Amino acid sequence: NAHIREFEVVKGITRLNSILIFNHERRIEPENRAEPFLGDSDLIEYCEKSNICLLPVYELFKMARDVREGLLSAGDARDTIKNCKGMFIYEPPENN
């Protein structure tokens, strides 16, 4: 990820947020998938320190479903993703 760091230096950016959306173990039902990157703690730590959000497609799906059903506002969903550092795990809003 040297190219990300070089971009930061060249452009003088001190806080770069990135999102990597991925679909791991796509041939396995989402509920049966292992936690992504479980064996690569260095990657998770790097992403946390580098303001990179690792966003599994299934977590994005669950969040989008709650937005569609009116359980979560689009703005809150957007803010949640924008503030993510490292692995994103969607936590549904509590029922009121």
Protein backbone atom coordinates (compact mmCIF):
# COMPACT_ATOMS: atom_id res chain seq x y z
CA ASN A 1 0.00 0.00 0.00
CA ALA A 2 2.93 2.25 -0.65
CA HIS A 3 0.94 3.99 -3.41
CA ILE A 4 -1.62 5.16 -0.84
CA ARG A 5 1.11 6.59 1.38
CA GLU A 6 2.79 8.26 -1.62
CA PHE A 7 -0.54 9.86 -2.58
CA GLU A 8 -0.89 11.21 0.95
CA VAL A 9 2.60 12.71 0.90
CA VAL A 10 2.39 14.18 -2.61
CA LYS A 11 -1.05 15.69 -2.07
CA GLY A 12 -0.37 16.77 1.52
CA ILE A 13 -3.34 14.81 2.79
CA THR A 14 -3.16 13.94 6.46
CA ARG A 15 -6.28 11.82 6.71
CA LEU A 16 -7.21 9.60 3.81
CA ASN A 17 -10.29 7.40 4.17
CA SER A 18 -10.65 4.39 1.94
CA ILE A 19 -13.20 1.62 1.66
CA LEU A 20 -12.48 -1.84 0.33
CA ILE A 21 -15.72 -3.67 -0.43
CA PHE A 22 -15.20 -7.39 -0.86
CA ASN A 23 -17.16 -10.63 -1.12
CA HIS A 24 -15.17 -13.37 0.61
CA GLU A 25 -16.08 -17.04 0.40
CA ARG A 26 -18.79 -16.14 -2.11
CA ARG A 27 -19.70 -19.76 -2.78
CA ILE A 28 -20.70 -20.27 0.87
CA GLU A 29 -23.98 -19.02 2.35
CA PRO A 30 -23.28 -15.72 4.16
CA GLU A 31 -24.38 -17.05 7.55
CA ASN A 32 -21.85 -19.92 7.26
CA ARG A 33 -18.81 -17.88 6.22
CA ALA A 34 -15.75 -17.55 8.40
CA GLU A 35 -14.79 -14.12 9.65
CA PRO A 36 -12.81 -12.42 6.86
CA PHE A 37 -9.05 -12.01 7.23
CA LEU A 38 -9.18 -13.83 10.56
CA GLY A 39 -5.64 -15.12 10.09
CA ASP A 40 -4.17 -11.78 9.00
CA SER A 41 -4.11 -9.53 12.05
CA ASP A 42 -1.41 -7.38 10.42
CA LEU A 43 -3.80 -6.43 7.63
CA ILE A 44 -6.54 -5.49 10.08
CA GLU A 45 -4.10 -3.42 12.16
CA TYR A 46 -2.73 -1.70 9.04
CA CYS A 47 -6.25 -0.79 7.92
CA GLU A 48 -7.16 0.56 11.35
CA LYS A 49 -4.05 2.77 11.40
CA SER A 50 -4.48 3.83 7.76
CA ASN A 51 -8.18 4.76 7.92
CA ILE A 52 -9.18 1.95 5.60
CA CYS A 53 -12.56 0.31 6.05
CA LEU A 54 -12.77 -3.37 5.09
CA LEU A 55 -16.43 -3.76 4.19
CA PRO A 56 -17.76 -7.27 3.48
CA VAL A 57 -20.62 -7.28 0.96
CA TYR A 58 -22.89 -9.17 3.36
CA GLU A 59 -22.44 -6.51 6.06
CA LEU A 60 -23.26 -3.84 3.46
CA PHE A 61 -26.33 -5.83 2.41
CA LYS A 62 -27.60 -6.04 6.01
CA MET A 63 -27.14 -2.30 6.46
CA ALA A 64 -28.83 -1.47 3.13
CA ARG A 65 -31.75 -3.72 4.03
CA ASP A 66 -32.26 -1.80 7.29
CA VAL A 67 -32.12 1.51 5.41
CA ARG A 68 -34.72 0.23 2.93
CA GLU A 69 -36.96 -0.95 5.78
CA GLY A 70 -36.70 2.42 7.55
CA LEU A 71 -34.80 1.07 10.55
CA LEU A 72 -31.73 3.17 9.77
CA SER A 73 -31.41 6.48 7.95
CA ALA A 74 -29.24 6.71 4.85
CA GLY A 75 -27.26 9.47 6.54
CA ASP A 76 -26.54 7.35 9.60
CA ALA A 77 -25.51 4.44 7.38
CA ARG A 78 -23.18 6.69 5.41
CA ASP A 79 -21.64 8.15 8.58
CA THR A 80 -21.13 4.70 10.06
CA ILE A 81 -19.18 3.59 7.01
CA LYS A 82 -17.23 6.84 6.78
CA ASN A 83 -16.11 6.47 10.40
CA CYS A 84 -15.06 2.84 10.04
CA LYS A 85 -11.41 1.91 10.47
CA GLY A 86 -10.49 -1.73 10.00
CA MET A 87 -13.07 -4.48 9.70
CA PHE A 88 -16.68 -3.32 9.40
CA ILE A 89 -19.24 -5.35 11.29
CA TYR A 90 -22.79 -4.04 10.98
CA GLU A 91 -24.67 -3.68 14.23
CA PRO A 92 -28.38 -3.08 13.63
CA PRO A 93 -30.05 -0.25 15.53
CA GLU A 94 -31.81 -1.29 18.68
CA ASN A 95 -35.60 -1.56 18.40
CA ASN A 96 -37.35 1.36 20.05
